């Protein structure tokens, strides 16, 4: 996975309508164009996080930079995302607690085999954790780029809630596991954490 800057994607966009084809030509990844499927994935994540908004369908679809109109709307949007990801993570973790996730782990910890009974829940957990980490990254970036003191204060509360929740999830999942499995799990979790203001693609 690689990290994509939220700010860079926004800088590639005009203030008005932004069609996928135009963005595909202007948004470069290490001086090369993104695959359109990858760019769509990035734009979808940007929309979920509230940075842009999609209008229209198929070839007529376009994106605009999206700004929340009030403090209440902005924080409500963030809290709704937090609740969604917490629910998905809790659902997955419930099926993984006290169960062996990996049937076999290599001596150098570089490879492992999944238990068929936990693979789908584990993948769901990683996907939801990635989304939560990206939300936290987005919150911190918004705080850094906002001059609204009240917004920054409320976003700090949101970030604290995410941080405490993820620490508890980490504790629940690692508790009682053998050293090898703990190392592999922690390595995979750490790999899902983007830098501030970035997405994991």
N, C-alpha and C. Protein backbone atom coordinates (compact mmCIF):
# COMPACT_ATOMS: atom_id res chain seq x y z
N UNK A 1 0.84 -1.20 0.00
CA UNK A 1 0.00 0.00 0.00
C UNK A 1 0.87 1.25 0.00
N UNK A 2 0.39 2.30 -0.65
CA UNK A 2 1.12 3.56 -0.65
C UNK A 2 0.24 4.65 -0.05
N UNK A 3 0.88 5.76 0.31
CA UNK A 3 0.14 6.87 0.92
C UNK A 3 -0.07 7.99 -0.10
N UNK A 4 -1.29 8.52 -0.11
CA UNK A 4 -1.66 9.60 -1.01
C UNK A 4 -2.08 10.80 -0.17
N UNK A 5 -1.55 11.96 -0.50
CA UNK A 5 -1.84 13.18 0.24
C UNK A 5 -3.24 13.73 -0.08
N UNK A 6 -4.01 13.97 0.96
CA UNK A 6 -5.33 14.59 0.80
C UNK A 6 -5.17 15.97 0.18
N UNK A 7 -4.21 16.72 0.69
CA UNK A 7 -3.98 18.08 0.21
C UNK A 7 -3.62 18.09 -1.28
N UNK A 8 -2.81 17.12 -1.70
CA UNK A 8 -2.41 17.08 -3.11
C UNK A 8 -3.61 16.86 -4.03
N UNK A 9 -4.48 15.94 -3.64
CA UNK A 9 -5.67 15.68 -4.47
C UNK A 9 -6.54 16.93 -4.56
N UNK A 10 -6.70 17.63 -3.44
CA UNK A 10 -7.50 18.85 -3.45
C UNK A 10 -6.85 19.93 -4.31
N UNK A 11 -5.53 19.99 -4.30
CA UNK A 11 -4.82 20.98 -5.12
C UNK A 11 -4.97 20.69 -6.61
N UNK A 12 -5.21 19.44 -6.95
CA UNK A 12 -5.40 19.05 -8.35
C UNK A 12 -6.78 19.47 -8.87
N UNK A 13 -7.66 19.84 -7.96
CA UNK A 13 -9.05 20.12 -8.33
C UNK A 13 -9.31 21.61 -8.48
N UNK A 14 -10.15 21.95 -9.46
CA UNK A 14 -10.62 23.32 -9.61
C UNK A 14 -11.72 23.58 -8.58
N UNK A 15 -12.11 24.83 -8.47
CA UNK A 15 -13.17 25.17 -7.52
C UNK A 15 -14.55 24.77 -8.03
N UNK A 16 -14.66 24.55 -9.33
CA UNK A 16 -15.95 24.18 -9.91
C UNK A 16 -16.01 22.67 -10.16
N UNK A 17 -16.55 22.27 -11.30
CA UNK A 17 -16.73 20.85 -11.61
C UNK A 17 -15.40 20.19 -11.99
N UNK A 18 -15.17 19.00 -11.46
CA UNK A 18 -13.97 18.23 -11.77
C UNK A 18 -14.38 16.84 -12.26
N UNK A 19 -14.20 16.61 -13.54
CA UNK A 19 -14.55 15.31 -14.12
C UNK A 19 -13.39 14.33 -13.96
N UNK A 20 -13.73 13.06 -13.89
CA UNK A 20 -12.71 12.03 -13.66
C UNK A 20 -11.60 12.10 -14.71
N UNK A 21 -11.99 12.26 -15.97
CA UNK A 21 -10.99 12.30 -17.04
C UNK A 21 -10.00 13.45 -16.87
N UNK A 22 -10.50 14.59 -16.42
CA UNK A 22 -9.63 15.75 -16.20
C UNK A 22 -8.69 15.50 -15.02
N UNK A 23 -9.24 14.94 -13.95
CA UNK A 23 -8.42 14.65 -12.77
C UNK A 23 -7.37 13.59 -13.08
N UNK A 24 -7.73 12.66 -13.93
CA UNK A 24 -6.80 11.60 -14.32
C UNK A 24 -5.57 12.19 -15.02
N UNK A 25 -5.78 13.28 -15.74
CA UNK A 25 -4.67 13.92 -16.45
C UNK A 25 -3.85 14.84 -15.56
N UNK A 26 -4.49 15.44 -14.56
CA UNK A 26 -3.77 16.43 -13.74
C UNK A 26 -3.17 15.84 -12.46
N UNK A 27 -3.81 14.82 -11.89
CA UNK A 27 -3.29 14.21 -10.65
C UNK A 27 -2.27 13.13 -11.01
N UNK A 28 -1.03 13.37 -10.67
CA UNK A 28 0.03 12.42 -11.00
C UNK A 28 0.55 11.72 -9.75
N UNK A 29 1.00 10.51 -9.95
CA UNK A 29 1.56 9.70 -8.87
C UNK A 29 3.02 9.43 -9.22
N UNK A 30 3.93 10.17 -8.57
CA UNK A 30 5.35 10.08 -8.92
C UNK A 30 5.57 10.32 -10.42
N UNK A 31 4.95 11.39 -10.90
CA UNK A 31 5.06 11.85 -12.29
C UNK A 31 4.39 10.92 -13.29
N UNK A 32 3.65 9.94 -12.79
CA UNK A 32 2.90 9.03 -13.66
C UNK A 32 1.42 9.14 -13.33
N UNK A 33 0.59 8.85 -14.31
CA UNK A 33 -0.84 8.89 -14.06
C UNK A 33 -1.29 7.69 -13.24
N UNK A 34 -2.26 7.94 -12.38
CA UNK A 34 -2.89 6.85 -11.65
C UNK A 34 -3.65 5.97 -12.64
N UNK A 35 -3.81 4.71 -12.31
CA UNK A 35 -4.80 3.91 -13.02
C UNK A 35 -6.16 4.50 -12.67
N UNK A 36 -7.07 4.52 -13.62
CA UNK A 36 -8.37 5.15 -13.36
C UNK A 36 -9.10 4.47 -12.20
N UNK A 37 -8.95 3.16 -12.10
CA UNK A 37 -9.61 2.44 -11.00
C UNK A 37 -9.03 2.89 -9.66
N UNK A 38 -7.73 3.14 -9.62
CA UNK A 38 -7.08 3.59 -8.39
C UNK A 38 -7.51 5.02 -8.05
N UNK A 39 -7.61 5.86 -9.07
CA UNK A 39 -8.04 7.23 -8.85
C UNK A 39 -9.49 7.26 -8.34
N UNK A 40 -10.33 6.40 -8.89
CA UNK A 40 -11.71 6.31 -8.41
C UNK A 40 -11.75 5.92 -6.94
N UNK A 41 -10.87 5.00 -6.55
CA UNK A 41 -10.80 4.56 -5.16
C UNK A 41 -10.39 5.72 -4.25
N UNK A 42 -9.42 6.50 -4.70
CA UNK A 42 -8.97 7.66 -3.93
C UNK A 42 -10.10 8.67 -3.78
N UNK A 43 -10.78 8.96 -4.87
CA UNK A 43 -11.87 9.93 -4.84
C UNK A 43 -13.02 9.45 -3.96
N UNK A 44 -13.27 8.15 -3.97
CA UNK A 44 -14.31 7.59 -3.12
C UNK A 44 -13.97 7.80 -1.65
N UNK A 45 -12.70 7.56 -1.30
CA UNK A 45 -12.28 7.77 0.09
C UNK A 45 -12.36 9.25 0.46
N UNK A 46 -11.98 10.11 -0.46
CA UNK A 46 -12.06 11.55 -0.20
C UNK A 46 -13.50 11.98 0.04
N UNK A 47 -14.42 11.36 -0.70
CA UNK A 47 -15.84 11.68 -0.53
C UNK A 47 -16.36 11.17 0.81
N UNK A 48 -15.99 9.95 1.17
CA UNK A 48 -16.42 9.37 2.44
C UNK A 48 -15.94 10.23 3.62
N UNK A 49 -14.75 10.81 3.48
CA UNK A 49 -14.19 11.64 4.54
C UNK A 49 -14.71 13.07 4.51
N UNK A 50 -15.49 13.40 3.49
CA UNK A 50 -16.12 14.71 3.44
C UNK A 50 -15.31 15.81 2.80
N UNK A 51 -14.23 15.46 2.10
CA UNK A 51 -13.40 16.49 1.47
C UNK A 51 -13.93 16.90 0.10
N UNK A 52 -14.62 15.99 -0.56
CA UNK A 52 -15.20 16.29 -1.87
C UNK A 52 -16.61 15.70 -1.93
N UNK A 53 -17.34 16.11 -2.95
CA UNK A 53 -18.70 15.57 -3.13
C UNK A 53 -18.90 15.23 -4.60
N UNK A 54 -19.48 14.07 -4.83
CA UNK A 54 -19.73 13.61 -6.20
C UNK A 54 -21.15 13.97 -6.62
N UNK A 55 -21.27 14.42 -7.86
CA UNK A 55 -22.57 14.74 -8.43
C UNK A 55 -22.73 14.01 -9.76
N UNK A 56 -23.93 13.59 -10.08
CA UNK A 56 -24.19 12.95 -11.36
C UNK A 56 -23.80 11.48 -11.37
N UNK A 57 -23.95 10.87 -12.55
CA UNK A 57 -23.72 9.44 -12.69
C UNK A 57 -22.87 9.14 -13.92
N UNK A 58 -22.13 8.05 -13.83
CA UNK A 58 -21.34 7.51 -14.93
C UNK A 58 -20.50 8.60 -15.61
N UNK A 59 -20.62 8.73 -16.93
CA UNK A 59 -19.76 9.67 -17.68
C UNK A 59 -20.06 11.13 -17.35
N UNK A 60 -21.24 11.38 -16.81
CA UNK A 60 -21.62 12.76 -16.48
C UNK A 60 -21.23 13.14 -15.05
N UNK A 61 -20.67 12.20 -14.32
CA UNK A 61 -20.33 12.47 -12.91
C UNK A 61 -19.16 13.44 -12.80
N UNK A 62 -19.22 14.28 -11.80
CA UNK A 62 -18.12 15.20 -11.53
C UNK A 62 -18.00 15.40 -10.02
N UNK A 63 -16.86 15.94 -9.60
CA UNK A 63 -16.57 16.13 -8.19
C UNK A 63 -16.34 17.61 -7.89
N UNK A 64 -16.76 18.02 -6.72
CA UNK A 64 -16.48 19.38 -6.27
C UNK A 64 -15.90 19.32 -4.86
N UNK A 65 -15.07 20.30 -4.56
CA UNK A 65 -14.55 20.39 -3.20
C UNK A 65 -15.73 20.67 -2.28
N UNK A 66 -15.77 19.97 -1.18
CA UNK A 66 -16.94 20.06 -0.30
C UNK A 66 -16.55 20.67 1.03
N UNK A 67 -17.27 21.69 1.41
CA UNK A 67 -17.03 22.33 2.70
C UNK A 67 -18.31 22.25 3.53
N UNK A 68 -18.17 21.81 4.75
CA UNK A 68 -19.33 21.71 5.64
C UNK A 68 -19.80 23.12 6.00
N UNK A 69 -21.09 23.29 6.05
CA UNK A 69 -21.63 24.64 6.20
C UNK A 69 -21.72 25.13 7.64
N UNK A 70 -21.60 24.23 8.59
CA UNK A 70 -21.67 24.66 9.99
C UNK A 70 -20.83 23.72 10.84
N UNK A 71 -20.51 24.19 12.03
CA UNK A 71 -19.75 23.37 12.98
C UNK A 71 -20.51 22.10 13.30
N UNK A 72 -21.80 22.25 13.54
CA UNK A 72 -22.62 21.09 13.91
C UNK A 72 -22.66 20.05 12.79
N UNK A 73 -22.78 20.53 11.56
CA UNK A 73 -22.82 19.61 10.42
C UNK A 73 -21.49 18.87 10.28
N UNK A 74 -20.41 19.61 10.43
CA UNK A 74 -19.08 19.02 10.27
C UNK A 74 -18.83 17.94 11.33
N UNK A 75 -19.06 18.28 12.58
CA UNK A 75 -18.80 17.33 13.67
C UNK A 75 -19.78 16.16 13.60
N UNK A 76 -21.02 16.45 13.21
CA UNK A 76 -21.99 15.37 13.05
C UNK A 76 -21.55 14.39 11.98
N UNK A 77 -20.99 14.90 10.91
CA UNK A 77 -20.48 14.06 9.82
C UNK A 77 -19.35 13.17 10.32
N UNK A 78 -18.42 13.76 11.06
CA UNK A 78 -17.28 13.00 11.60
C UNK A 78 -17.76 11.93 12.58
N UNK A 79 -18.66 12.32 13.47
CA UNK A 79 -19.16 11.36 14.47
C UNK A 79 -19.92 10.21 13.83
N UNK A 80 -20.60 10.49 12.75
CA UNK A 80 -21.32 9.44 12.03
C UNK A 80 -20.33 8.42 11.46
N UNK A 81 -19.22 8.91 10.92
CA UNK A 81 -18.19 8.01 10.41
C UNK A 81 -17.56 7.19 11.54
N UNK A 82 -17.30 7.84 12.66
CA UNK A 82 -16.73 7.13 13.81
C UNK A 82 -17.66 6.00 14.23
N UNK A 83 -18.94 6.30 14.36
CA UNK A 83 -19.91 5.29 14.78
C UNK A 83 -19.95 4.12 13.79
N UNK A 84 -19.92 4.44 12.50
CA UNK A 84 -19.96 3.40 11.47
C UNK A 84 -18.76 2.47 11.58
N UNK A 85 -17.57 3.04 11.70
CA UNK A 85 -16.36 2.22 11.77
C UNK A 85 -16.26 1.46 13.09
N UNK A 86 -16.69 2.09 14.17
CA UNK A 86 -16.69 1.39 15.46
C UNK A 86 -17.59 0.15 15.39
N UNK A 87 -18.74 0.30 14.77
CA UNK A 87 -19.69 -0.81 14.67
C UNK A 87 -19.09 -1.96 13.86
N UNK A 88 -18.45 -1.63 12.74
CA UNK A 88 -17.84 -2.66 11.89
C UNK A 88 -16.68 -3.35 12.59
N UNK A 89 -15.86 -2.57 13.28
CA UNK A 89 -14.72 -3.15 14.00
C UNK A 89 -15.20 -4.03 15.14
N UNK A 90 -16.18 -3.56 15.89
CA UNK A 90 -16.71 -4.36 17.00
C UNK A 90 -17.32 -5.67 16.52
N UNK A 91 -17.99 -5.61 15.38
CA UNK A 91 -18.60 -6.81 14.81
C UNK A 91 -17.53 -7.84 14.45
N UNK A 92 -16.44 -7.36 13.84
CA UNK A 92 -15.36 -8.27 13.44
C UNK A 92 -14.60 -8.80 14.65
N UNK A 93 -14.31 -7.92 15.59
CA UNK A 93 -13.50 -8.31 16.76
C UNK A 93 -14.24 -9.33 17.61
N UNK A 94 -15.55 -9.23 17.63
CA UNK A 94 -16.36 -10.17 18.41
C UNK A 94 -16.16 -11.60 17.93
N UNK A 95 -15.95 -11.75 16.62
CA UNK A 95 -15.76 -13.09 16.05
C UNK A 95 -14.30 -13.54 16.06
N UNK A 96 -13.40 -12.65 16.49
CA UNK A 96 -11.98 -13.00 16.49
C UNK A 96 -11.40 -13.21 17.88
N UNK A 97 -12.05 -12.61 18.87
CA UNK A 97 -11.55 -12.76 20.24
C UNK A 97 -11.51 -14.23 20.64
N UNK A 98 -10.43 -14.60 21.28
CA UNK A 98 -10.26 -15.96 21.80
C UNK A 98 -10.24 -17.03 20.70
N UNK A 99 -9.97 -16.62 19.47
CA UNK A 99 -9.84 -17.57 18.37
C UNK A 99 -8.46 -17.44 17.74
N UNK A 100 -7.95 -18.55 17.25
CA UNK A 100 -6.65 -18.53 16.58
C UNK A 100 -6.84 -18.00 15.17
N UNK A 101 -6.18 -16.89 14.85
CA UNK A 101 -6.34 -16.27 13.54
C UNK A 101 -5.48 -16.96 12.49
N UNK A 102 -4.24 -17.30 12.88
CA UNK A 102 -3.31 -17.92 11.94
C UNK A 102 -3.07 -19.38 12.31
N UNK A 103 -3.15 -20.25 11.32
CA UNK A 103 -2.87 -21.66 11.55
C UNK A 103 -1.37 -21.91 11.67
N UNK A 104 -0.62 -21.13 10.88
CA UNK A 104 0.83 -21.35 10.86
C UNK A 104 1.53 -20.03 10.54
N UNK A 105 2.62 -19.75 11.26
CA UNK A 105 3.43 -18.55 11.02
C UNK A 105 4.86 -19.00 10.78
N UNK A 106 5.48 -18.48 9.72
CA UNK A 106 6.85 -18.88 9.39
C UNK A 106 7.82 -18.41 10.48
N UNK A 107 8.99 -19.03 10.52
CA UNK A 107 9.98 -18.70 11.56
C UNK A 107 10.42 -17.24 11.51
N UNK A 108 10.52 -16.69 10.28
CA UNK A 108 10.94 -15.29 10.17
C UNK A 108 9.76 -14.32 10.22
N UNK A 109 8.57 -14.85 10.48
CA UNK A 109 7.33 -14.07 10.64
C UNK A 109 6.91 -13.34 9.36
N UNK A 110 7.47 -13.73 8.22
CA UNK A 110 7.16 -13.03 6.97
C UNK A 110 5.93 -13.59 6.26
N UNK A 111 5.49 -14.76 6.65
CA UNK A 111 4.31 -15.34 6.01
C UNK A 111 3.49 -16.12 7.03
N UNK A 112 2.21 -16.28 6.72
CA UNK A 112 1.33 -17.00 7.63
C UNK A 112 0.12 -17.54 6.88
N UNK A 113 -0.46 -18.59 7.43
CA UNK A 113 -1.67 -19.17 6.86
C UNK A 113 -2.84 -18.86 7.78
N UNK A 114 -3.95 -18.48 7.16
CA UNK A 114 -5.14 -18.15 7.93
C UNK A 114 -5.95 -19.40 8.29
N UNK A 115 -6.65 -19.28 9.39
CA UNK A 115 -7.70 -20.25 9.69
C UNK A 115 -8.89 -19.86 8.82
N UNK A 116 -9.51 -20.83 8.18
CA UNK A 116 -10.64 -20.53 7.30
C UNK A 116 -11.83 -19.96 8.07
N UNK A 117 -11.83 -20.16 9.38
CA UNK A 117 -12.94 -19.69 10.20
C UNK A 117 -12.79 -18.22 10.61
N UNK A 118 -11.59 -17.67 10.44
CA UNK A 118 -11.36 -16.29 10.88
C UNK A 118 -10.92 -15.35 9.76
N UNK A 119 -10.60 -15.88 8.60
CA UNK A 119 -10.02 -15.07 7.51
C UNK A 119 -10.91 -13.90 7.12
N UNK A 120 -12.19 -14.15 6.87
CA UNK A 120 -13.08 -13.07 6.41
C UNK A 120 -13.27 -12.00 7.48
N UNK A 121 -13.39 -12.43 8.74
CA UNK A 121 -13.55 -11.45 9.83
C UNK A 121 -12.28 -10.63 10.01
N UNK A 122 -11.14 -11.28 9.85
CA UNK A 122 -9.87 -10.57 9.99
C UNK A 122 -9.69 -9.54 8.88
N UNK A 123 -10.03 -9.92 7.66
CA UNK A 123 -9.93 -8.98 6.54
C UNK A 123 -10.90 -7.81 6.72
N UNK A 124 -12.08 -8.11 7.23
CA UNK A 124 -13.06 -7.06 7.51
C UNK A 124 -12.53 -6.11 8.58
N UNK A 125 -11.88 -6.68 9.59
CA UNK A 125 -11.29 -5.87 10.66
C UNK A 125 -10.23 -4.94 10.10
N UNK A 126 -9.33 -5.46 9.27
CA UNK A 126 -8.26 -4.64 8.71
C UNK A 126 -8.81 -3.51 7.84
N UNK A 127 -9.82 -3.83 7.05
CA UNK A 127 -10.43 -2.81 6.18
C UNK A 127 -11.05 -1.69 7.02
N UNK A 128 -11.77 -2.07 8.06
CA UNK A 128 -12.43 -1.08 8.92
C UNK A 128 -11.41 -0.28 9.73
N UNK A 129 -10.35 -0.95 10.16
CA UNK A 129 -9.30 -0.25 10.90
C UNK A 129 -8.60 0.77 10.00
N UNK A 130 -8.36 0.39 8.75
CA UNK A 130 -7.75 1.32 7.80
C UNK A 130 -8.63 2.55 7.64
N UNK A 131 -9.93 2.34 7.51
CA UNK A 131 -10.87 3.46 7.38
C UNK A 131 -10.83 4.36 8.61
N UNK A 132 -10.76 3.74 9.79
CA UNK A 132 -10.72 4.53 11.02
C UNK A 132 -9.41 5.32 11.12
N UNK A 133 -8.30 4.69 10.76
CA UNK A 133 -7.01 5.38 10.80
C UNK A 133 -7.00 6.54 9.80
N UNK A 134 -7.61 6.34 8.64
CA UNK A 134 -7.68 7.42 7.64
C UNK A 134 -8.55 8.57 8.14
N UNK A 135 -9.60 8.23 8.85
CA UNK A 135 -10.46 9.27 9.44
C UNK A 135 -9.66 10.08 10.46
N UNK A 136 -8.89 9.39 11.29
CA UNK A 136 -8.05 10.08 12.27
C UNK A 136 -7.03 10.98 11.57
N UNK A 137 -6.45 10.47 10.50
CA UNK A 137 -5.48 11.24 9.72
C UNK A 137 -6.13 12.50 9.13
N UNK A 138 -7.35 12.33 8.64
CA UNK A 138 -8.10 13.45 8.06
C UNK A 138 -8.44 14.49 9.12
N UNK A 139 -8.82 14.02 10.30
CA UNK A 139 -9.16 14.92 11.41
C UNK A 139 -7.95 15.78 11.78
N UNK A 140 -6.79 15.15 11.92
CA UNK A 140 -5.58 15.89 12.30
C UNK A 140 -5.19 16.89 11.21
N UNK A 141 -5.35 16.50 9.95
CA UNK A 141 -5.03 17.41 8.85
C UNK A 141 -5.97 18.62 8.85
N UNK A 142 -7.25 18.35 9.08
CA UNK A 142 -8.24 19.44 9.13
C UNK A 142 -7.93 20.39 10.27
N UNK A 143 -7.55 19.83 11.42
CA UNK A 143 -7.17 20.67 12.57
C UNK A 143 -6.00 21.58 12.22
N UNK A 144 -5.00 21.01 11.57
CA UNK A 144 -3.80 21.77 11.22
C UNK A 144 -4.10 22.90 10.23
N UNK A 145 -5.12 22.71 9.41
CA UNK A 145 -5.40 23.67 8.35
C UNK A 145 -6.62 24.56 8.62
N UNK A 146 -7.14 24.49 9.83
CA UNK A 146 -8.30 25.30 10.19
C UNK A 146 -7.92 26.39 11.18
N UNK A 147 -8.60 27.53 11.05
CA UNK A 147 -8.40 28.62 12.01
C UNK A 147 -9.58 28.74 12.97
N UNK A 148 -10.53 27.82 12.82
CA UNK A 148 -11.73 27.82 13.65
C UNK A 148 -11.41 27.13 14.98
N UNK A 149 -11.29 27.90 16.05
CA UNK A 149 -10.90 27.35 17.35
C UNK A 149 -11.92 26.35 17.88
N UNK A 150 -13.19 26.64 17.68
CA UNK A 150 -14.23 25.74 18.18
C UNK A 150 -14.21 24.42 17.42
N UNK A 151 -14.01 24.50 16.11
CA UNK A 151 -13.91 23.28 15.29
C UNK A 151 -12.72 22.44 15.73
N UNK A 152 -11.60 23.09 15.93
CA UNK A 152 -10.38 22.37 16.34
C UNK A 152 -10.59 21.69 17.70
N UNK A 153 -11.30 22.36 18.58
CA UNK A 153 -11.59 21.80 19.90
C UNK A 153 -12.45 20.55 19.79
N UNK A 154 -13.48 20.62 18.95
CA UNK A 154 -14.38 19.47 18.78
C UNK A 154 -13.68 18.32 18.06
N UNK A 155 -12.84 18.65 17.09
CA UNK A 155 -12.10 17.61 16.37
C UNK A 155 -11.11 16.90 17.29
N UNK A 156 -10.56 17.64 18.24
CA UNK A 156 -9.65 17.03 19.22
C UNK A 156 -10.39 15.97 20.04
N UNK A 157 -11.64 16.27 20.38
CA UNK A 157 -12.46 15.30 21.12
C UNK A 157 -12.72 14.06 20.27
N UNK A 158 -12.99 14.28 18.98
CA UNK A 158 -13.23 13.15 18.07
C UNK A 158 -11.98 12.28 17.96
N UNK A 159 -10.84 12.93 17.84
CA UNK A 159 -9.59 12.18 17.70
C UNK A 159 -9.30 11.38 18.98
N UNK A 160 -9.55 11.99 20.12
CA UNK A 160 -9.34 11.30 21.39
C UNK A 160 -10.24 10.07 21.49
N UNK A 161 -11.48 10.20 21.04
CA UNK A 161 -12.41 9.07 21.06
C UNK A 161 -11.89 7.93 20.18
N UNK A 162 -11.40 8.27 19.00
CA UNK A 162 -10.86 7.25 18.09
C UNK A 162 -9.65 6.58 18.72
N UNK A 163 -8.76 7.38 19.27
CA UNK A 163 -7.53 6.86 19.85
C UNK A 163 -7.81 5.88 20.99
N UNK A 164 -8.73 6.25 21.87
CA UNK A 164 -9.07 5.39 23.00
C UNK A 164 -9.75 4.11 22.53
N UNK A 165 -10.60 4.23 21.53
CA UNK A 165 -11.29 3.06 21.00
C UNK A 165 -10.30 2.09 20.37
N UNK A 166 -9.37 2.61 19.56
CA UNK A 166 -8.42 1.74 18.88
C UNK A 166 -7.44 1.08 19.85
N UNK A 167 -7.09 1.78 20.91
CA UNK A 167 -6.23 1.19 21.94
C UNK A 167 -6.94 0.01 22.61
N UNK A 168 -8.22 0.16 22.86
CA UNK A 168 -9.00 -0.91 23.47
C UNK A 168 -9.14 -2.10 22.53
N UNK A 169 -9.34 -1.83 21.25
CA UNK A 169 -9.44 -2.91 20.26
C UNK A 169 -8.12 -3.66 20.18
N UNK A 170 -7.03 -2.93 20.18
CA UNK A 170 -5.71 -3.54 20.14
C UNK A 170 -5.50 -4.46 21.35
N UNK A 171 -5.91 -3.97 22.51
CA UNK A 171 -5.77 -4.77 23.74
C UNK A 171 -6.60 -6.05 23.65
N UNK A 172 -7.84 -5.92 23.21
CA UNK A 172 -8.74 -7.07 23.15
C UNK A 172 -8.23 -8.13 22.18
N UNK A 173 -7.69 -7.68 21.06
CA UNK A 173 -7.27 -8.64 20.04
C UNK A 173 -5.96 -9.34 20.41
N UNK A 174 -5.06 -8.62 21.08
CA UNK A 174 -3.75 -9.20 21.40
C UNK A 174 -3.74 -10.00 22.70
N UNK A 175 -4.70 -9.74 23.54
CA UNK A 175 -4.73 -10.37 24.86
C UNK A 175 -4.75 -11.90 24.76
N UNK A 176 -3.80 -12.53 25.45
CA UNK A 176 -3.77 -13.98 25.52
C UNK A 176 -3.14 -14.68 24.33
N UNK A 177 -2.64 -13.92 23.35
CA UNK A 177 -2.04 -14.55 22.17
C UNK A 177 -0.55 -14.78 22.37
N UNK A 178 -0.02 -15.75 21.63
CA UNK A 178 1.40 -16.06 21.71
C UNK A 178 2.21 -14.94 21.05
N UNK A 179 3.49 -14.89 21.41
CA UNK A 179 4.37 -13.81 20.96
C UNK A 179 4.40 -13.67 19.44
N UNK A 180 4.55 -14.78 18.72
CA UNK A 180 4.63 -14.71 17.26
C UNK A 180 3.38 -14.08 16.66
N UNK A 181 2.23 -14.52 17.14
CA UNK A 181 0.98 -14.00 16.60
C UNK A 181 0.82 -12.52 16.95
N UNK A 182 1.22 -12.13 18.13
CA UNK A 182 1.14 -10.72 18.54
C UNK A 182 2.00 -9.84 17.64
N UNK A 183 3.20 -10.32 17.33
CA UNK A 183 4.12 -9.54 16.48
C UNK A 183 3.53 -9.35 15.09
N UNK A 184 2.99 -10.43 14.52
CA UNK A 184 2.40 -10.35 13.18
C UNK A 184 1.21 -9.39 13.16
N UNK A 185 0.35 -9.50 14.16
CA UNK A 185 -0.82 -8.64 14.23
C UNK A 185 -0.42 -7.17 14.38
N UNK A 186 0.51 -6.89 15.27
CA UNK A 186 0.93 -5.51 15.49
C UNK A 186 1.59 -4.94 14.24
N UNK A 187 2.35 -5.77 13.54
CA UNK A 187 3.00 -5.33 12.30
C UNK A 187 1.95 -4.96 11.25
N UNK A 188 0.92 -5.78 11.13
CA UNK A 188 -0.12 -5.51 10.14
C UNK A 188 -0.93 -4.27 10.51
N UNK A 189 -1.22 -4.11 11.78
CA UNK A 189 -1.97 -2.94 12.22
C UNK A 189 -1.18 -1.65 11.97
N UNK A 190 0.10 -1.68 12.32
CA UNK A 190 0.95 -0.51 12.13
C UNK A 190 1.04 -0.13 10.66
N UNK A 191 1.05 -1.14 9.80
CA UNK A 191 1.13 -0.89 8.36
C UNK A 191 -0.10 -0.22 7.79
N UNK A 192 -1.18 -0.19 8.55
CA UNK A 192 -2.42 0.44 8.08
C UNK A 192 -2.53 1.91 8.49
N UNK A 193 -1.58 2.39 9.27
CA UNK A 193 -1.65 3.76 9.78
C UNK A 193 -0.97 4.73 8.81
N UNK A 194 -1.72 5.66 8.23
CA UNK A 194 -1.12 6.63 7.31
C UNK A 194 -0.53 7.82 8.05
N UNK A 195 0.31 8.56 7.37
CA UNK A 195 0.80 9.82 7.93
C UNK A 195 -0.37 10.79 8.00
N UNK A 196 -0.21 11.83 8.81
CA UNK A 196 -1.26 12.84 8.93
C UNK A 196 -1.56 13.43 7.55
N UNK A 197 -2.86 13.48 7.24
CA UNK A 197 -3.27 14.07 5.97
C UNK A 197 -3.09 13.18 4.77
N UNK A 198 -2.98 11.87 5.01
CA UNK A 198 -2.77 10.93 3.91
C UNK A 198 -3.78 9.79 3.96
N UNK A 199 -3.95 9.15 2.81
CA UNK A 199 -4.79 7.97 2.68
C UNK A 199 -3.91 6.78 2.35
N UNK A 200 -4.36 5.59 2.72
CA UNK A 200 -3.67 4.36 2.37
C UNK A 200 -4.35 3.73 1.16
N UNK A 201 -3.61 3.59 0.08
CA UNK A 201 -4.17 3.03 -1.15
C UNK A 201 -3.39 1.79 -1.55
